[in-house]
């Protein structure tokens, strides 16, 4: 009687683990990548993005964005209302300017064509996905409870 091999690990998980190992071991080179089929190239890019994302704690990123946004709102609200900035406000403004100076989008020195990443293209694509998800959610909600 022949034995049947049972796999408890999904093929996608195995594929990702293999690609991750190739990337970490330096086996995935530009030459190897160029020879891959298009769907494998997409998969490699997804694995690379996951690897980069793993080092960033989402809650910390969200928290940092919150601080930047509210710091900006604090300074701009005072400036729009013609209120002078006190020493604390000036410190917040100084730190916001320091943050602006380290990012390629706002450093004033890096041309869009030289960005390490197509930030605006990514933001546009994600915006489309978010809006499509919202549309589907509203349709699902109307179909489920009769109202948005």
C-alpha atoms as a PDB file:
ATOM      1  CA  UNK A   1       0.000   0.000   0.000  1.00  0.00           C
ATOM      2  CA  UNK A   2       1.393   3.397  -1.039  1.00  0.00           C
ATOM      3  CA  UNK A   3       1.732   6.068   1.569  1.00  0.00           C
ATOM      4  CA  UNK A   4       0.073   9.399   1.003  1.00  0.00           C
ATOM      5  CA  UNK A   5       2.013  12.472   1.961  1.00  0.00           C
ATOM      6  CA  UNK A   6      -0.049  14.974   3.914  1.00  0.00           C
ATOM      7  CA  UNK A   7       1.087  18.581   4.127  1.00  0.00           C
ATOM      8  CA  UNK A   8      -0.216  20.760   6.912  1.00  0.00           C
ATOM      9  CA  UNK A   9       1.535  23.860   5.599  1.00  0.00           C
ATOM     10  CA  UNK A  10      -0.109  25.826   2.813  1.00  0.00           C
ATOM     11  CA  UNK A  11       1.868  26.074  -0.443  1.00  0.00           C
ATOM     12  CA  UNK A  12       1.794  29.886  -0.263  1.00  0.00           C
ATOM     13  CA  UNK A  13       3.426  29.754   3.184  1.00  0.00           C
ATOM     14  CA  UNK A  14       6.131  27.414   1.874  1.00  0.00           C
ATOM     15  CA  UNK A  15       6.680  29.636  -1.166  1.00  0.00           C
ATOM     16  CA  UNK A  16       7.036  32.740   0.993  1.00  0.00           C
ATOM     17  CA  UNK A  17       9.434  30.978   3.370  1.00  0.00           C
ATOM     18  CA  UNK A  18      11.573  29.799   0.457  1.00  0.00           C
ATOM     19  CA  UNK A  19      11.697  33.272  -1.104  1.00  0.00           C
ATOM     20  CA  UNK A  20      12.433  34.874   2.253  1.00  0.00           C
ATOM     21  CA  UNK A  21      15.335  32.447   2.752  1.00  0.00           C
ATOM     22  CA  UNK A  22      16.659  33.210  -0.747  1.00  0.00           C
ATOM     23  CA  UNK A  23      16.489  36.952  -0.053  1.00  0.00           C
ATOM     24  CA  UNK A  24      18.165  36.682   3.354  1.00  0.00           C
ATOM     25  CA  UNK A  25      20.867  34.352   2.019  1.00  0.00           C
ATOM     26  CA  UNK A  26      21.621  36.697  -0.881  1.00  0.00           C
ATOM     27  CA  UNK A  27      20.562  34.114  -3.441  1.00  0.00           C
ATOM     28  CA  UNK A  28      17.842  36.375  -4.856  1.00  0.00           C
ATOM     29  CA  UNK A  29      19.916  38.736  -6.969  1.00  0.00           C
ATOM     30  CA  UNK A  30      18.771  41.188  -9.644  1.00  0.00           C
ATOM     31  CA  UNK A  31      19.800  38.630 -12.259  1.00  0.00           C
ATOM     32  CA  UNK A  32      17.772  35.851 -10.624  1.00  0.00           C
ATOM     33  CA  UNK A  33      14.854  38.229 -10.129  1.00  0.00           C
ATOM     34  CA  UNK A  34      14.942  39.291 -13.808  1.00  0.00           C
ATOM     35  CA  UNK A  35      14.550  35.653 -14.850  1.00  0.00           C
ATOM     36  CA  UNK A  36      11.454  35.036 -12.746  1.00  0.00           C
ATOM     37  CA  UNK A  37       7.933  34.871 -14.193  1.00  0.00           C
ATOM     38  CA  UNK A  38       5.885  38.037 -13.604  1.00  0.00           C
ATOM     39  CA  UNK A  39       3.720  36.552 -10.806  1.00  0.00           C
ATOM     40  CA  UNK A  40       6.856  35.410  -8.986  1.00  0.00           C
ATOM     41  CA  UNK A  41       8.270  38.940  -9.279  1.00  0.00           C
ATOM     42  CA  UNK A  42       5.097  40.299  -7.687  1.00  0.00           C
ATOM     43  CA  UNK A  43       5.416  37.683  -4.959  1.00  0.00           C
ATOM     44  CA  UNK A  44       9.062  38.630  -4.290  1.00  0.00           C
ATOM     45  CA  UNK A  45       8.081  42.303  -4.019  1.00  0.00           C
ATOM     46  CA  UNK A  46       5.314  41.377  -1.576  1.00  0.00           C
ATOM     47  CA  UNK A  47       7.759  39.358   0.532  1.00  0.00           C
ATOM     48  CA  UNK A  48      10.214  42.283   0.527  1.00  0.00           C
ATOM     49  CA  UNK A  49       7.428  44.640   1.624  1.00  0.00           C
ATOM     50  CA  UNK A  50       6.399  42.254   4.411  1.00  0.00           C
ATOM     51  CA  UNK A  51      10.005  42.007   5.563  1.00  0.00           C
ATOM     52  CA  UNK A  52      10.258  45.802   5.738  1.00  0.00           C
ATOM     53  CA  UNK A  53       6.882  46.070   7.472  1.00  0.00           C
ATOM     54  CA  UNK A  54       7.849  43.579  10.166  1.00  0.00           C
ATOM     55  CA  UNK A  55      10.401  46.034  11.545  1.00  0.00           C
ATOM     56  CA  UNK A  56       7.766  48.732  11.941  1.00  0.00           C
ATOM     57  CA  UNK A  57       5.251  48.341  14.732  1.00  0.00           C
ATOM     58  CA  UNK A  58       1.960  49.636  13.244  1.00  0.00           C
ATOM     59  CA  UNK A  59       0.834  51.187  16.530  1.00  0.00           C
ATOM     60  CA  UNK A  60       4.097  53.102  16.846  1.00  0.00           C
ATOM     61  CA  UNK A  61       3.786  54.358  13.253  1.00  0.00           C
ATOM     62  CA  UNK A  62       0.208  55.452  13.857  1.00  0.00           C
ATOM     63  CA  UNK A  63       1.233  57.143  17.070  1.00  0.00           C
ATOM     64  CA  UNK A  64       4.058  59.027  15.336  1.00  0.00           C
ATOM     65  CA  UNK A  65       1.675  60.180  12.595  1.00  0.00           C
ATOM     66  CA  UNK A  66      -0.809  61.329  15.247  1.00  0.00           C
ATOM     67  CA  UNK A  67       1.870  63.410  16.992  1.00  0.00           C
ATOM     68  CA  UNK A  68       3.008  64.950  13.707  1.00  0.00           C
ATOM     69  CA  UNK A  69      -0.543  65.727  12.603  1.00  0.00           C
ATOM     70  CA  UNK A  70      -1.630  67.256  15.889  1.00  0.00           C
ATOM     71  CA  UNK A  71       1.634  69.165  16.266  1.00  0.00           C
ATOM     72  CA  UNK A  72       1.065  70.584  12.786  1.00  0.00           C
ATOM     73  CA  UNK A  73      -2.562  71.423  13.593  1.00  0.00           C
ATOM     74  CA  UNK A  74      -1.478  73.164  16.803  1.00  0.00           C
ATOM     75  CA  UNK A  75       1.025  75.376  14.999  1.00  0.00           C
ATOM     76  CA  UNK A  76      -1.136  76.088  11.941  1.00  0.00           C
ATOM     77  CA  UNK A  77      -4.243  76.884  13.992  1.00  0.00           C
ATOM     78  CA  UNK A  78      -2.311  79.490  15.961  1.00  0.00           C
ATOM     79  CA  UNK A  79      -0.748  80.932  12.801  1.00  0.00           C
ATOM     80  CA  UNK A  80      -4.103  81.069  10.985  1.00  0.00           C
ATOM     81  CA  UNK A  81      -5.679  82.827  13.954  1.00  0.00           C
ATOM     82  CA  UNK A  82      -2.822  85.304  14.157  1.00  0.00           C
ATOM     83  CA  UNK A  83      -1.740  84.082  17.598  1.00  0.00           C
ATOM     84  CA  UNK A  84       1.975  84.285  18.264  1.00  0.00           C
ATOM     85  CA  UNK A  85       3.824  81.089  19.084  1.00  0.00           C
ATOM     86  CA  UNK A  86       5.151  80.674  22.612  1.00  0.00           C
ATOM     87  CA  UNK A  87       8.412  78.851  23.412  1.00  0.00           C
ATOM     88  CA  UNK A  88       6.689  75.443  23.541  1.00  0.00           C
ATOM     89  CA  UNK A  89       5.025  76.063  20.183  1.00  0.00           C
ATOM     90  CA  UNK A  90       8.326  77.137  18.668  1.00  0.00           C
ATOM     91  CA  UNK A  91       9.926  73.909  19.911  1.00  0.00           C
ATOM     92  CA  UNK A  92       7.108  71.878  18.333  1.00  0.00           C
ATOM     93  CA  UNK A  93       7.519  73.813  15.073  1.00  0.00           C
ATOM     94  CA  UNK A  94      11.275  73.244  15.140  1.00  0.00           C
ATOM     95  CA  UNK A  95      10.814  69.487  15.590  1.00  0.00           C
ATOM     96  CA  UNK A  96       8.222  69.374  12.811  1.00  0.00           C
ATOM     97  CA  UNK A  97      10.697  71.155  10.522  1.00  0.00           C
ATOM     98  CA  UNK A  98      13.367  68.615  11.463  1.00  0.00           C
ATOM     99  CA  UNK A  99      10.982  65.796  10.530  1.00  0.00           C
ATOM    100  CA  UNK A 100      10.186  67.532   7.229  1.00  0.00           C
ATOM    101  CA  UNK A 101      13.884  67.812   6.440  1.00  0.00           C
ATOM    102  CA  UNK A 102      14.541  64.065   6.693  1.00  0.00           C
ATOM    103  CA  UNK A 103      11.789  62.791   4.374  1.00  0.00           C
ATOM    104  CA  UNK A 104      12.274  62.717   0.610  1.00  0.00           C
ATOM    105  CA  UNK A 105       8.809  64.130  -0.058  1.00  0.00           C
ATOM    106  CA  UNK A 106       9.448  67.272   1.995  1.00  0.00           C
ATOM    107  CA  UNK A 107      13.221  67.701   2.200  1.00  0.00           C
ATOM    108  CA  UNK A 108      13.192  70.155  -0.718  1.00  0.00           C
ATOM    109  CA  UNK A 109      16.295  68.555  -2.210  1.00  0.00           C
ATOM    110  CA  UNK A 110      15.146  65.240  -3.646  1.00  0.00           C
ATOM    111  CA  UNK A 111      13.442  65.220  -7.041  1.00  0.00           C
ATOM    112  CA  UNK A 112      10.402  62.961  -7.356  1.00  0.00           C
ATOM    113  CA  UNK A 113      12.281  60.875  -9.916  1.00  0.00           C
ATOM    114  CA  UNK A 114      14.997  60.211  -7.310  1.00  0.00           C
ATOM    115  CA  UNK A 115      12.656  59.047  -4.536  1.00  0.00           C
ATOM    116  CA  UNK A 116      13.500  55.622  -3.165  1.00  0.00           C
ATOM    117  CA  UNK A 117       9.854  54.690  -3.557  1.00  0.00           C
ATOM    118  CA  UNK A 118       6.884  55.989  -5.584  1.00  0.00           C
ATOM    119  CA  UNK A 119       5.174  57.402  -2.483  1.00  0.00           C
ATOM    120  CA  UNK A 120       2.399  59.181  -4.338  1.00  0.00           C
ATOM    121  CA  UNK A 121       1.706  56.222  -6.633  1.00  0.00           C
ATOM    122  CA  UNK A 122       1.462  53.975  -3.602  1.00  0.00           C
ATOM    123  CA  UNK A 123      -0.803  56.453  -1.791  1.00  0.00           C
ATOM    124  CA  UNK A 124      -3.038  56.731  -4.862  1.00  0.00           C
ATOM    125  CA  UNK A 125      -3.328  52.956  -5.231  1.00  0.00           C
ATOM    126  CA  UNK A 126      -4.094  52.510  -1.527  1.00  0.00           C
ATOM    127  CA  UNK A 127      -6.643  55.344  -1.662  1.00  0.00           C
ATOM    128  CA  UNK A 128      -8.429  53.566  -4.502  1.00  0.00           C
ATOM    129  CA  UNK A 129      -8.423  50.331  -2.494  1.00  0.00           C
ATOM    130  CA  UNK A 130      -9.733  52.076   0.647  1.00  0.00           C
ATOM    131  CA  UNK A 131     -12.512  53.790  -1.303  1.00  0.00           C
ATOM    132  CA  UNK A 132     -13.490  50.534  -3.023  1.00  0.00           C
ATOM    133  CA  UNK A 133     -13.563  48.809   0.369  1.00  0.00           C
ATOM    134  CA  UNK A 134     -15.749  51.607   1.768  1.00  0.00           C
ATOM    135  CA  UNK A 135     -18.132  51.302  -1.205  1.00  0.00           C
ATOM    136  CA  UNK A 136     -18.365  47.522  -0.736  1.00  0.00           C
ATOM    137  CA  UNK A 137     -18.917  47.984   3.007  1.00  0.00           C
ATOM    138  CA  UNK A 138     -21.759  50.444   2.436  1.00  0.00           C
ATOM    139  CA  UNK A 139     -23.385  48.127  -0.134  1.00  0.00           C
ATOM    140  CA  UNK A 140     -23.014  45.172   2.242  1.00  0.00           C
ATOM    141  CA  UNK A 141     -24.453  47.203   5.102  1.00  0.00           C
ATOM    142  CA  UNK A 142     -27.446  48.357   3.016  1.00  0.00           C
ATOM    143  CA  UNK A 143     -28.061  44.795   1.844  1.00  0.00           C
ATOM    144  CA  UNK A 144     -27.834  43.548   5.431  1.00  0.00           C
ATOM    145  CA  UNK A 145     -29.652  46.146   7.529  1.00  0.00           C
ATOM    146  CA  UNK A 146     -31.359  48.303   4.910  1.00  0.00           C
ATOM    147  CA  UNK A 147     -29.463  51.538   5.518  1.00  0.00           C
ATOM    148  CA  UNK A 148     -25.985  52.960   5.395  1.00  0.00           C
END
